[in-house]
Amino acid sequence: MKDFLRKNGLILAFAVGKFGLHYALYHPAYELHRDEYLYLDQANHLAWGFLEVPPAISIQAYVAQAMGNSFFWVKFWPVLFGALTVWLTGRIVIELGGGRFAQALACLSVLVSSY
């Protein structure tokens, strides 16, 4: 565990920071977007998906609906995948032999970008 934290601690901090930052910036006063309502309705019509509707969206909406359909669970998926993107970026830098500065620079660039 100590070796894991030594090797991945910086990117883990960035990923957890991204997760917390997203939830700090999501305010329920802004309500949900119309596409989010569409995705939530797809939980009632589970299918393997079509070209414009991948099946994972329906499954995520089903899980969000099963958890109570609250604002937290609807926004959970984009927040989770954003944090995983930061984690994956850091892991790629580690695999390519980058040091802590390269990890911080790569994770920070994903964290502050619009992606």
PDB file of N, CA and C in Angstrom:
ATOM      1  N   MET A   1       0.822  -1.195   0.000  1.00  0.00           N
ATOM      2  CA  MET A   1       0.000   0.000   0.000  1.00  0.00           C
ATOM      3  C   MET A   1       0.863   1.254   0.000  1.00  0.00           C
ATOM      4  N   LYS A   2       1.969   1.200   0.750  1.00  0.00           N
ATOM      5  CA  LYS A   2       2.850   2.358   0.824  1.00  0.00           C
ATOM      6  C   LYS A   2       3.502   2.632  -0.523  1.00  0.00           C
ATOM      7  N   ASP A   3       3.873   1.561  -1.226  1.00  0.00           N
ATOM      8  CA  ASP A   3       4.464   1.718  -2.552  1.00  0.00           C
ATOM      9  C   ASP A   3       3.440   2.271  -3.542  1.00  0.00           C
ATOM     10  N   PHE A   4       2.192   1.815  -3.416  1.00  0.00           N
ATOM     11  CA  PHE A   4       1.126   2.318  -4.283  1.00  0.00           C
ATOM     12  C   PHE A   4       0.924   3.816  -4.088  1.00  0.00           C
ATOM     13  N   LEU A   5       0.875   4.256  -2.846  1.00  0.00           N
ATOM     14  CA  LEU A   5       0.686   5.679  -2.571  1.00  0.00           C
ATOM     15  C   LEU A   5       1.898   6.502  -2.993  1.00  0.00           C
ATOM     16  N   ARG A   6       3.084   5.945  -2.842  1.00  0.00           N
ATOM     17  CA  ARG A   6       4.279   6.674  -3.259  1.00  0.00           C
ATOM     18  C   ARG A   6       4.284   6.867  -4.765  1.00  0.00           C
ATOM     19  N   LYS A   7       3.862   5.854  -5.489  1.00  0.00           N
ATOM     20  CA  LYS A   7       3.887   5.911  -6.947  1.00  0.00           C
ATOM     21  C   LYS A   7       2.692   6.673  -7.516  1.00  0.00           C
ATOM     22  N   ASN A   8       1.511   6.531  -6.904  1.00  0.00           N
ATOM     23  CA  ASN A   8       0.278   7.086  -7.454  1.00  0.00           C
ATOM     24  C   ASN A   8      -0.354   8.187  -6.603  1.00  0.00           C
ATOM     25  N   GLY A   9       0.301   8.594  -5.550  1.00  0.00           N
ATOM     26  CA  GLY A   9      -0.300   9.558  -4.634  1.00  0.00           C
ATOM     27  C   GLY A   9      -0.638  10.889  -5.263  1.00  0.00           C
ATOM     28  N   LEU A  10       0.233  11.373  -6.126  1.00  0.00           N
ATOM     29  CA  LEU A  10       0.000  12.670  -6.752  1.00  0.00           C
ATOM     30  C   LEU A  10      -1.193  12.624  -7.698  1.00  0.00           C
ATOM     31  N   ILE A  11      -1.254  11.600  -8.533  1.00  0.00           N
ATOM     32  CA  ILE A  11      -2.387  11.536  -9.458  1.00  0.00           C
ATOM     33  C   ILE A  11      -3.680  11.204  -8.722  1.00  0.00           C
ATOM     34  N   LEU A  12      -3.583  10.467  -7.627  1.00  0.00           N
ATOM     35  CA  LEU A  12      -4.759  10.207  -6.810  1.00  0.00           C
ATOM     36  C   LEU A  12      -5.280  11.491  -6.192  1.00  0.00           C
ATOM     37  N   ALA A  13      -4.379  12.352  -5.751  1.00  0.00           N
ATOM     38  CA  ALA A  13      -4.791  13.644  -5.189  1.00  0.00           C
ATOM     39  C   ALA A  13      -5.469  14.507  -6.245  1.00  0.00           C
ATOM     40  N   PHE A  14      -4.937  14.513  -7.460  1.00  0.00           N
ATOM     41  CA  PHE A  14      -5.565  15.279  -8.533  1.00  0.00           C
ATOM     42  C   PHE A  14      -6.942  14.715  -8.885  1.00  0.00           C
ATOM     43  N   ALA A  15      -7.075  13.392  -8.933  1.00  0.00           N
ATOM     44  CA  ALA A  15      -8.362  12.774  -9.279  1.00  0.00           C
ATOM     45  C   ALA A  15      -9.409  13.052  -8.203  1.00  0.00           C
ATOM     46  N   VAL A  16      -9.024  12.921  -6.942  1.00  0.00           N
ATOM     47  CA  VAL A  16      -9.965  13.216  -5.847  1.00  0.00           C
ATOM     48  C   VAL A  16     -10.299  14.711  -5.838  1.00  0.00           C
ATOM     49  N   GLY A  17      -9.306  15.549  -6.147  1.00  0.00           N
ATOM     50  CA  GLY A  17      -9.558  16.988  -6.239  1.00  0.00           C
ATOM     51  C   GLY A  17     -10.541  17.316  -7.348  1.00  0.00           C
ATOM     52  N   LYS A  18     -10.396  16.652  -8.487  1.00  0.00           N
ATOM     53  CA  LYS A  18     -11.341  16.860  -9.599  1.00  0.00           C
ATOM     54  C   LYS A  18     -12.734  16.430  -9.188  1.00  0.00           C
ATOM     55  N   PHE A  19     -12.847  15.305  -8.497  1.00  0.00           N
ATOM     56  CA  PHE A  19     -14.151  14.817  -8.038  1.00  0.00           C
ATOM     57  C   PHE A  19     -14.795  15.840  -7.104  1.00  0.00           C
ATOM     58  N   GLY A  20     -14.034  16.322  -6.139  1.00  0.00           N
ATOM     59  CA  GLY A  20     -14.573  17.305  -5.192  1.00  0.00           C
ATOM     60  C   GLY A  20     -14.863  18.646  -5.839  1.00  0.00           C
ATOM     61  N   LEU A  21     -14.008  19.068  -6.760  1.00  0.00           N
ATOM     62  CA  LEU A  21     -14.206  20.350  -7.437  1.00  0.00           C
ATOM     63  C   LEU A  21     -15.466  20.334  -8.282  1.00  0.00           C
ATOM     64  N   HIS A  22     -15.714  19.236  -8.961  1.00  0.00           N
ATOM     65  CA  HIS A  22     -16.928  19.140  -9.760  1.00  0.00           C
ATOM     66  C   HIS A  22     -18.167  19.280  -8.891  1.00  0.00           C
ATOM     67  N   TYR A  23     -18.209  18.564  -7.791  1.00  0.00           N
ATOM     68  CA  TYR A  23     -19.392  18.651  -6.929  1.00  0.00           C
ATOM     69  C   TYR A  23     -19.508  20.012  -6.266  1.00  0.00           C
ATOM     70  N   ALA A  24     -18.398  20.672  -6.028  1.00  0.00           N
ATOM     71  CA  ALA A  24     -18.469  22.013  -5.453  1.00  0.00           C
ATOM     72  C   ALA A  24     -19.036  23.005  -6.460  1.00  0.00           C
ATOM     73  N   LEU A  25     -18.780  22.769  -7.751  1.00  0.00           N
ATOM     74  CA  LEU A  25     -19.251  23.704  -8.769  1.00  0.00           C
ATOM     75  C   LEU A  25     -20.652  23.396  -9.281  1.00  0.00           C
ATOM     76  N   TYR A  26     -21.131  22.170  -9.093  1.00  0.00           N
ATOM     77  CA  TYR A  26     -22.501  21.845  -9.493  1.00  0.00           C
ATOM     78  C   TYR A  26     -23.445  22.379  -8.437  1.00  0.00           C
ATOM     79  N   HIS A  27     -24.300  23.271  -8.833  1.00  0.00           N
ATOM     80  CA  HIS A  27     -25.261  23.828  -7.889  1.00  0.00           C
ATOM     81  C   HIS A  27     -26.663  23.429  -8.335  1.00  0.00           C
ATOM     82  N   PRO A  28     -27.480  22.889  -7.432  1.00  0.00           N
ATOM     83  CA  PRO A  28     -28.816  22.420  -7.826  1.00  0.00           C
ATOM     84  C   PRO A  28     -29.733  23.523  -8.341  1.00  0.00           C
ATOM     85  N   ALA A  29     -29.408  24.783  -8.103  1.00  0.00           N
ATOM     86  CA  ALA A  29     -30.265  25.862  -8.592  1.00  0.00           C
ATOM     87  C   ALA A  29     -30.288  25.912 -10.116  1.00  0.00           C
ATOM     88  N   TYR A  30     -29.274  25.368 -10.757  1.00  0.00           N
ATOM     89  CA  TYR A  30     -29.225  25.399 -12.212  1.00  0.00           C
ATOM     90  C   TYR A  30     -30.046  24.302 -12.854  1.00  0.00           C
ATOM     91  N   GLU A  31     -30.536  23.372 -12.073  1.00  0.00           N
ATOM     92  CA  GLU A  31     -31.354  22.249 -12.527  1.00  0.00           C
ATOM     93  C   GLU A  31     -30.618  21.398 -13.565  1.00  0.00           C
ATOM     94  N   LEU A  32     -31.327  20.444 -14.116  1.00  0.00           N
ATOM     95  CA  LEU A  32     -30.729  19.523 -15.069  1.00  0.00           C
ATOM     96  C   LEU A  32     -30.927  20.029 -16.500  1.00  0.00           C
ATOM     97  N   HIS A  33     -30.059  19.586 -17.370  1.00  0.00           N
ATOM     98  CA  HIS A  33     -30.153  19.927 -18.782  1.00  0.00           C
ATOM     99  C   HIS A  33     -31.195  19.028 -19.435  1.00  0.00           C
ATOM    100  N   ARG A  34     -31.769  19.463 -20.546  1.00  0.00           N
ATOM    101  CA  ARG A  34     -32.817  18.668 -21.193  1.00  0.00           C
ATOM    102  C   ARG A  34     -32.298  17.299 -21.643  1.00  0.00           C
ATOM    103  N   ASP A  35     -31.032  17.208 -22.040  1.00  0.00           N
ATOM    104  CA  ASP A  35     -30.483  15.910 -22.419  1.00  0.00           C
ATOM    105  C   ASP A  35     -30.395  14.973 -21.222  1.00  0.00           C
ATOM    106  N   GLU A  36     -30.136  15.525 -20.049  1.00  0.00           N
ATOM    107  CA  GLU A  36     -30.088  14.689 -18.847  1.00  0.00           C
ATOM    108  C   GLU A  36     -31.463  14.111 -18.533  1.00  0.00           C
ATOM    109  N   TYR A  37     -32.515  14.874 -18.777  1.00  0.00           N
ATOM    110  CA  TYR A  37     -33.861  14.332 -18.604  1.00  0.00           C
ATOM    111  C   TYR A  37     -34.129  13.211 -19.608  1.00  0.00           C
ATOM    112  N   LEU A  38     -33.642  13.374 -20.828  1.00  0.00           N
ATOM    113  CA  LEU A  38     -33.782  12.318 -21.834  1.00  0.00           C
ATOM    114  C   LEU A  38     -33.063  11.055 -21.389  1.00  0.00           C
ATOM    115  N   TYR A  39     -31.845  11.207 -20.899  1.00  0.00           N
ATOM    116  CA  TYR A  39     -31.085  10.042 -20.451  1.00  0.00           C
ATOM    117  C   TYR A  39     -31.751   9.370 -19.256  1.00  0.00           C
ATOM    118  N   LEU A  40     -32.325  10.159 -18.369  1.00  0.00           N
ATOM    119  CA  LEU A  40     -33.026   9.574 -17.227  1.00  0.00           C
ATOM    120  C   LEU A  40     -34.263   8.802 -17.680  1.00  0.00           C
ATOM    121  N   ASP A  41     -34.939   9.282 -18.695  1.00  0.00           N
ATOM    122  CA  ASP A  41     -36.110   8.567 -19.201  1.00  0.00           C
ATOM    123  C   ASP A  41     -35.714   7.253 -19.857  1.00  0.00           C
ATOM    124  N   GLN A  42     -34.510   7.183 -20.387  1.00  0.00           N
ATOM    125  CA  GLN A  42     -34.065   5.943 -21.017  1.00  0.00           C
ATOM    126  C   GLN A  42     -33.908   4.814 -20.001  1.00  0.00           C
ATOM    127  N   ALA A  43     -33.871   5.134 -18.721  1.00  0.00           N
ATOM    128  CA  ALA A  43     -33.824   4.084 -17.698  1.00  0.00           C
ATOM    129  C   ALA A  43     -35.112   3.285 -17.696  1.00  0.00           C
ATOM    130  N   ASN A  44     -36.195   3.888 -18.162  1.00  0.00           N
ATOM    131  CA  ASN A  44     -37.486   3.188 -18.226  1.00  0.00           C
ATOM    132  C   ASN A  44     -37.612   2.329 -19.473  1.00  0.00           C
ATOM    133  N   HIS A  45     -36.677   2.470 -20.411  1.00  0.00           N
ATOM    134  CA  HIS A  45     -36.721   1.744 -21.678  1.00  0.00           C
ATOM    135  C   HIS A  45     -35.350   1.156 -21.973  1.00  0.00           C
ATOM    136  N   LEU A  46     -34.909   0.247 -21.134  1.00  0.00           N
ATOM    137  CA  LEU A  46     -33.582  -0.335 -21.313  1.00  0.00           C
ATOM    138  C   LEU A  46     -33.509  -1.108 -22.628  1.00  0.00           C
ATOM    139  N   ALA A  47     -32.455  -0.865 -23.369  1.00  0.00           N
ATOM    140  CA  ALA A  47     -32.205  -1.571 -24.629  1.00  0.00           C
ATOM    141  C   ALA A  47     -30.697  -1.641 -24.815  1.00  0.00           C
ATOM    142  N   TRP A  48     -30.273  -2.414 -25.781  1.00  0.00           N
ATOM    143  CA  TRP A  48     -28.849  -2.524 -26.054  1.00  0.00           C
ATOM    144  C   TRP A  48     -28.326  -1.301 -26.775  1.00  0.00           C
ATOM    145  N   GLY A  49     -29.191  -0.398 -27.127  1.00  0.00           N
ATOM    146  CA  GLY A  49     -28.746   0.863 -27.707  1.00  0.00           C
ATOM    147  C   GLY A  49     -28.816   0.873 -29.214  1.00  0.00           C
ATOM    148  N   PHE A  50     -28.755   2.058 -29.711  1.00  0.00           N
ATOM    149  CA  PHE A  50     -28.746   2.304 -31.137  1.00  0.00           C
ATOM    150  C   PHE A  50     -27.555   3.205 -31.427  1.00  0.00           C
ATOM    151  N   LEU A  51     -27.443   3.660 -32.658  1.00  0.00           N
ATOM    152  CA  LEU A  51     -26.303   4.481 -33.035  1.00  0.00           C
ATOM    153  C   LEU A  51     -26.226   5.750 -32.186  1.00  0.00           C
ATOM    154  N   GLU A  52     -27.354   6.373 -31.936  1.00  0.00           N
ATOM    155  CA  GLU A  52     -27.345   7.626 -31.184  1.00  0.00           C
ATOM    156  C   GLU A  52     -27.528   7.434 -29.681  1.00  0.00           C
ATOM    157  N   VAL A  53     -27.813   6.218 -29.228  1.00  0.00           N
ATOM    158  CA  VAL A  53     -28.042   5.974 -27.809  1.00  0.00           C
ATOM    159  C   VAL A  53     -27.238   4.749 -27.371  1.00  0.00           C
ATOM    160  N   PRO A  54     -26.027   4.954 -26.857  1.00  0.00           N
ATOM    161  CA  PRO A  54     -25.240   3.815 -26.384  1.00  0.00           C
ATOM    162  C   PRO A  54     -25.906   3.154 -25.167  1.00  0.00           C
ATOM    163  N   PRO A  55     -25.753   1.852 -25.006  1.00  0.00           N
ATOM    164  CA  PRO A  55     -26.436   1.159 -23.911  1.00  0.00           C
ATOM    165  C   PRO A  55     -25.948   1.560 -22.527  1.00  0.00           C
ATOM    166  N   ALA A  56     -24.718   2.028 -22.409  1.00  0.00           N
ATOM    167  CA  ALA A  56     -24.206   2.392 -21.086  1.00  0.00           C
ATOM    168  C   ALA A  56     -24.986   3.556 -20.483  1.00  0.00           C
ATOM    169  N   ILE A  57     -25.491   4.448 -21.322  1.00  0.00           N
ATOM    170  CA  ILE A  57     -26.255   5.594 -20.802  1.00  0.00           C
ATOM    171  C   ILE A  57     -27.523   5.115 -20.114  1.00  0.00           C
ATOM    172  N   SER A  58     -28.206   4.152 -20.721  1.00  0.00           N
ATOM    173  CA  SER A  58     -29.426   3.628 -20.119  1.00  0.00           C
ATOM    174  C   SER A  58     -29.134   2.909 -18.809  1.00  0.00           C
ATOM    175  N   ILE A  59     -28.037   2.181 -18.766  1.00  0.00           N
ATOM    176  CA  ILE A  59     -27.676   1.458 -17.543  1.00  0.00           C
ATOM    177  C   ILE A  59     -27.312   2.439 -16.430  1.00  0.00           C
ATOM    178  N   GLN A  60     -26.558   3.480 -16.767  1.00  0.00           N
ATOM    179  CA  GLN A  60     -26.213   4.498 -15.767  1.00  0.00           C
ATOM    180  C   GLN A  60     -27.462   5.213 -15.272  1.00  0.00           C
ATOM    181  N   ALA A  61     -28.382   5.500 -16.172  1.00  0.00           N
ATOM    182  CA  ALA A  61     -29.632   6.149 -15.767  1.00  0.00           C
ATOM    183  C   ALA A  61     -30.456   5.221 -14.875  1.00  0.00           C
ATOM    184  N   TYR A  62     -30.428   3.930 -15.174  1.00  0.00           N
ATOM    185  CA  TYR A  62     -31.148   2.963 -14.346  1.00  0.00           C
ATOM    186  C   TYR A  62     -30.570   2.923 -12.930  1.00  0.00           C
ATOM    187  N   VAL A  63     -29.240   2.928 -12.830  1.00  0.00           N
ATOM    188  CA  VAL A  63     -28.599   2.937 -11.513  1.00  0.00           C
ATOM    189  C   VAL A  63     -28.921   4.232 -10.773  1.00  0.00           C
ATOM    190  N   ALA A  64     -28.873   5.367 -11.473  1.00  0.00           N
ATOM    191  CA  ALA A  64     -29.207   6.649 -10.839  1.00  0.00           C
ATOM    192  C   ALA A  64     -30.657   6.662 -10.371  1.00  0.00           C
ATOM    193  N   GLN A  65     -31.537   6.083 -11.164  1.00  0.00           N
ATOM    194  CA  GLN A  65     -32.950   6.014 -10.784  1.00  0.00           C
ATOM    195  C   GLN A  65     -33.144   5.081  -9.586  1.00  0.00           C
ATOM    196  N   ALA A  66     -32.429   3.970  -9.565  1.00  0.00           N
ATOM    197  CA  ALA A  66     -32.530   3.036  -8.448  1.00  0.00           C
ATOM    198  C   ALA A  66     -31.993   3.641  -7.152  1.00  0.00           C
ATOM    199  N   MET A  67     -31.035   4.554  -7.263  1.00  0.00           N
ATOM    200  CA  MET A  67     -30.458   5.205  -6.083  1.00  0.00           C
ATOM    201  C   MET A  67     -31.276   6.401  -5.604  1.00  0.00           C
ATOM    202  N   GLY A  68     -32.378   6.681  -6.255  1.00  0.00           N
ATOM    203  CA  GLY A  68     -33.250   7.740  -5.777  1.00  0.00           C
ATOM    204  C   GLY A  68     -33.426   8.901  -6.735  1.00  0.00           C
ATOM    205  N   ASN A  69     -32.728   8.876  -7.869  1.00  0.00           N
ATOM    206  CA  ASN A  69     -32.899   9.904  -8.894  1.00  0.00           C
ATOM    207  C   ASN A  69     -32.610  11.311  -8.390  1.00  0.00           C
ATOM    208  N   SER A  70     -31.741  11.421  -7.414  1.00  0.00           N
ATOM    209  CA  SER A  70     -31.424  12.737  -6.870  1.00  0.00           C
ATOM    210  C   SER A  70     -30.395  13.439  -7.733  1.00  0.00           C
ATOM    211  N   PHE A  71     -30.211  14.724  -7.502  1.00  0.00           N
ATOM    212  CA  PHE A  71     -29.245  15.527  -8.245  1.00  0.00           C
ATOM    213  C   PHE A  71     -27.846  14.935  -8.110  1.00  0.00           C
ATOM    214  N   PHE A  72     -27.516  14.434  -6.928  1.00  0.00           N
ATOM    215  CA  PHE A  72     -26.206  13.830  -6.691  1.00  0.00           C
ATOM    216  C   PHE A  72     -25.962  12.667  -7.632  1.00  0.00           C
ATOM    217  N   TRP A  73     -26.919  11.759  -7.759  1.00  0.00           N
ATOM    218  CA  TRP A  73     -26.709  10.557  -8.566  1.00  0.00           C
ATOM    219  C   TRP A  73     -26.768  10.843 -10.054  1.00  0.00           C
ATOM    220  N   VAL A  74     -27.520  11.851 -10.447  1.00  0.00           N
ATOM    221  CA  VAL A  74     -27.546  12.203 -11.867  1.00  0.00           C
ATOM    222  C   VAL A  74     -26.200  12.777 -12.288  1.00  0.00           C
ATOM    223  N   LYS A  75     -25.592  13.595 -11.445  1.00  0.00           N
ATOM    224  CA  LYS A  75     -24.299  14.206 -11.752  1.00  0.00           C
ATOM    225  C   LYS A  75     -23.119  13.312 -11.394  1.00  0.00           C
ATOM    226  N   PHE A  76     -23.383  12.183 -10.751  1.00  0.00           N
ATOM    227  CA  PHE A  76     -22.311  11.290 -10.322  1.00  0.00           C
ATOM    228  C   PHE A  76     -21.498  10.768 -11.505  1.00  0.00           C
ATOM    229  N   TRP A  77     -22.154  10.378 -12.588  1.00  0.00           N
ATOM    230  CA  TRP A  77     -21.454   9.746 -13.710  1.00  0.00           C
ATOM    231  C   TRP A  77     -20.485  10.686 -14.413  1.00  0.00           C
ATOM    232  N   PRO A  78     -20.875  11.914 -14.769  1.00  0.00           N
ATOM    233  CA  PRO A  78     -19.869  12.786 -15.386  1.00  0.00           C
ATOM    234  C   PRO A  78     -18.727  13.129 -14.439  1.00  0.00           C
ATOM    235  N   VAL A  79     -19.030  13.257 -13.159  1.00  0.00           N
ATOM    236  CA  VAL A  79     -17.977  13.548 -12.183  1.00  0.00           C
ATOM    237  C   VAL A  79     -17.025  12.358 -12.069  1.00  0.00           C
ATOM    238  N   LEU A  80     -17.572  11.166 -12.002  1.00  0.00           N
ATOM    239  CA  LEU A  80     -16.739   9.961 -11.900  1.00  0.00           C
ATOM    240  C   LEU A  80     -15.845   9.799 -13.131  1.00  0.00           C
ATOM    241  N   PHE A  81     -16.407   9.956 -14.312  1.00  0.00           N
ATOM    242  CA  PHE A  81     -15.613   9.765 -15.523  1.00  0.00           C
ATOM    243  C   PHE A  81     -14.592  10.888 -15.710  1.00  0.00           C
ATOM    244  N   GLY A  82     -14.891  12.084 -15.225  1.00  0.00           N
ATOM    245  CA  GLY A  82     -13.897  13.151 -15.251  1.00  0.00           C
ATOM    246  C   GLY A  82     -12.714  12.833 -14.353  1.00  0.00           C
ATOM    247  N   ALA A  83     -13.001  12.321 -13.159  1.00  0.00           N
ATOM    248  CA  ALA A  83     -11.925  11.943 -12.237  1.00  0.00           C
ATOM    249  C   ALA A  83     -11.120  10.765 -12.790  1.00  0.00           C
ATOM    250  N   LEU A  84     -11.798   9.817 -13.429  1.00  0.00           N
ATOM    251  CA  LEU A  84     -11.085   8.685 -14.027  1.00  0.00           C
ATOM    252  C   LEU A  84     -10.219   9.124 -15.210  1.00  0.00           C
ATOM    253  N   THR A  85     -10.628  10.173 -15.916  1.00  0.00           N
ATOM    254  CA  THR A  85      -9.813  10.708 -17.004  1.00  0.00           C
ATOM    255  C   THR A  85      -8.514  11.291 -16.460  1.00  0.00           C
ATOM    256  N   VAL A  86      -8.612  11.994 -15.337  1.00  0.00           N
ATOM    257  CA  VAL A  86      -7.407  12.528 -14.700  1.00  0.00           C
ATOM    258  C   VAL A  86      -6.511  11.380 -14.237  1.00  0.00           C
ATOM    259  N   TRP A  87      -7.091  10.368 -13.632  1.00  0.00           N
ATOM    260  CA  TRP A  87      -6.331   9.201 -13.169  1.00  0.00           C
ATOM    261  C   TRP A  87      -5.628   8.520 -14.346  1.00  0.00           C
ATOM    262  N   LEU A  88      -6.363   8.293 -15.432  1.00  0.00           N
ATOM    263  CA  LEU A  88      -5.788   7.625 -16.593  1.00  0.00           C
ATOM    264  C   LEU A  88      -4.654   8.439 -17.205  1.00  0.00           C
ATOM    265  N   THR A  89      -4.819   9.743 -17.257  1.00  0.00           N
ATOM    266  CA  THR A  89      -3.759  10.611 -17.776  1.00  0.00           C
ATOM    267  C   THR A  89      -2.497  10.472 -16.937  1.00  0.00           C
ATOM    268  N   GLY A  90      -2.658  10.487 -15.627  1.00  0.00           N
ATOM    269  CA  GLY A  90      -1.502  10.314 -14.745  1.00  0.00           C
ATOM    270  C   GLY A  90      -0.852   8.950 -14.895  1.00  0.00           C
ATOM    271  N   ARG A  91      -1.649   7.917 -15.051  1.00  0.00           N
ATOM    272  CA  ARG A  91      -1.095   6.569 -15.224  1.00  0.00           C
ATOM    273  C   ARG A  91      -0.334   6.445 -16.539  1.00  0.00           C
ATOM    274  N   ILE A  92      -0.828   7.104 -17.593  1.00  0.00           N
ATOM    275  CA  ILE A  92      -0.117   7.082 -18.870  1.00  0.00           C
ATOM    276  C   ILE A  92       1.244   7.751 -18.721  1.00  0.00           C
ATOM    277  N   VAL A  93       1.287   8.856 -17.993  1.00  0.00           N
ATOM    278  CA  VAL A  93       2.557   9.554 -17.775  1.00  0.00           C
ATOM    279  C   VAL A  93       3.521   8.658 -16.994  1.00  0.00           C
ATOM    280  N   ILE A  94       3.016   7.957 -15.994  1.00  0.00           N
ATOM    281  CA  ILE A  94       3.867   7.048 -15.221  1.00  0.00           C
ATOM    282  C   ILE A  94       4.408   5.937 -16.114  1.00  0.00           C
ATOM    283  N   GLU A  95       3.550   5.356 -16.944  1.00  0.00           N
ATOM    284  CA  GLU A  95       3.985   4.272 -17.825  1.00  0.00           C
ATOM    285  C   GLU A  95       5.006   4.745 -18.848  1.00  0.00           C
ATOM    286  N   LEU A  96       4.936   6.011 -19.238  1.00  0.00           N
ATOM    287  CA  LEU A  96       5.903   6.554 -20.196  1.00  0.00           C
ATOM    288  C   LEU A  96       7.188   7.015 -19.532  1.00  0.00           C
ATOM    289  N   GLY A  97       7.257   6.889 -18.202  1.00  0.00           N
ATOM    290  CA  GLY A  97       8.485   7.211 -17.490  1.00  0.00           C
ATOM    291  C   GLY A  97       8.567   8.634 -16.976  1.00  0.00           C
ATOM    292  N   GLY A  98       7.466   9.332 -16.931  1.00  0.00           N
ATOM    293  CA  GLY A  98       7.472  10.710 -16.449  1.00  0.00           C
ATOM    294  C   GLY A  98       7.598  10.780 -14.935  1.00  0.00           C
ATOM    295  N   GLY A  99       8.256  11.815 -14.467  1.00  0.00           N
ATOM    296  CA  GLY A  99       8.419  12.021 -13.030  1.00  0.00           C
ATOM    297  C   GLY A  99       7.221  12.739 -12.431  1.00  0.00           C
ATOM    298  N   ARG A 100       7.392  13.179 -11.202  1.00  0.00           N
ATOM    299  CA  ARG A 100       6.283  13.828 -10.490  1.00  0.00           C
ATOM    300  C   ARG A 100       5.883  15.147 -11.148  1.00  0.00           C
ATOM    301  N   PHE A 101       6.863  15.879 -11.677  1.00  0.00           N
ATOM    302  CA  PHE A 101       6.530  17.136 -12.338  1.00  0.00           C
ATOM    303  C   PHE A 101       5.706  16.881 -13.594  1.00  0.00           C
ATOM    304  N   ALA A 102       6.068  15.870 -14.370  1.00  0.00           N
ATOM    305  CA  ALA A 102       5.321  15.527 -15.581  1.00  0.00           C
ATOM    306  C   ALA A 102       3.916  15.053 -15.227  1.00  0.00           C
ATOM    307  N   GLN A 103       3.788  14.285 -14.137  1.00  0.00           N
ATOM    308  CA  GLN A 103       2.476  13.839 -13.692  1.00  0.00           C
ATOM    309  C   GLN A 103       1.607  15.032 -13.300  1.00  0.00           C
ATOM    310  N   ALA A 104       2.188  15.936 -12.532  1.00  0.00           N
ATOM    311  CA  ALA A 104       1.440  17.108 -12.088  1.00  0.00           C
ATOM    312  C   ALA A 104       1.029  17.969 -13.268  1.00  0.00           C
ATOM    313  N   LEU A 105       1.916  18.160 -14.220  1.00  0.00           N
ATOM    314  CA  LEU A 105       1.619  18.982 -15.383  1.00  0.00           C
ATOM    315  C   LEU A 105       0.514  18.354 -16.238  1.00  0.00           C
ATOM    316  N   ALA A 106       0.587  17.062 -16.462  1.00  0.00           N
ATOM    317  CA  ALA A 106      -0.424  16.382 -17.270  1.00  0.00           C
ATOM    318  C   ALA A 106      -1.780  16.379 -16.570  1.00  0.00           C
ATOM    319  N   CYS A 107      -1.800  16.050 -15.284  1.00  0.00           N
ATOM    320  CA  CYS A 107      -3.061  16.024 -14.542  1.00  0.00           C
ATOM    321  C   CYS A 107      -3.662  17.421 -14.420  1.00  0.00           C
ATOM    322  N   LEU A 108      -2.820  18.397 -14.217  1.00  0.00           N
ATOM    323  CA  LEU A 108      -3.311  19.775 -14.116  1.00  0.00           C
ATOM    324  C   LEU A 108      -3.892  20.241 -15.441  1.00  0.00           C
ATOM    325  N   SER A 109      -3.265  19.855 -16.543  1.00  0.00           N
ATOM    326  CA  SER A 109      -3.789  20.273 -17.846  1.00  0.00           C
ATOM    327  C   SER A 109      -5.169  19.673 -18.115  1.00  0.00           C
ATOM    328  N   VAL A 110      -5.386  18.430 -17.688  1.00  0.00           N
ATOM    329  CA  VAL A 110      -6.710  17.821 -17.853  1.00  0.00           C
ATOM    330  C   VAL A 110      -7.693  18.447 -16.853  1.00  0.00           C
ATOM    331  N   LEU A 111      -7.217  18.759 -15.678  1.00  0.00           N
ATOM    332  CA  LEU A 111      -8.085  19.315 -14.631  1.00  0.00           C
ATOM    333  C   LEU A 111      -8.636  20.684 -15.006  1.00  0.00           C
ATOM    334  N   VAL A 112      -7.821  21.531 -15.616  1.00  0.00           N
ATOM    335  CA  VAL A 112      -8.265  22.898 -15.899  1.00  0.00           C
ATOM    336  C   VAL A 112      -8.787  23.076 -17.322  1.00  0.00           C
ATOM    337  N   SER A 113      -8.727  22.020 -18.134  1.00  0.00           N
ATOM    338  CA  SER A 113      -9.228  22.158 -19.503  1.00  0.00           C
ATOM    339  C   SER A 113     -10.743  21.974 -19.528  1.00  0.00           C
ATOM    340  N   SER A 114     -11.333  22.326 -20.633  1.00  0.00           N
ATOM    341  CA  SER A 114     -12.780  22.171 -20.762  1.00  0.00           C
ATOM    342  C   SER A 114     -13.157  20.732 -21.046  1.00  0.00           C
ATOM    343  N   TYR A 115     -12.180  19.901 -21.344  1.00  0.00           N
ATOM    344  CA  TYR A 115     -12.461  18.495 -21.604  1.00  0.00           C
ATOM    345  C   TYR A 115     -12.883  17.840 -20.314  1.00  0.00           C
TER     346      TYR A 115
END
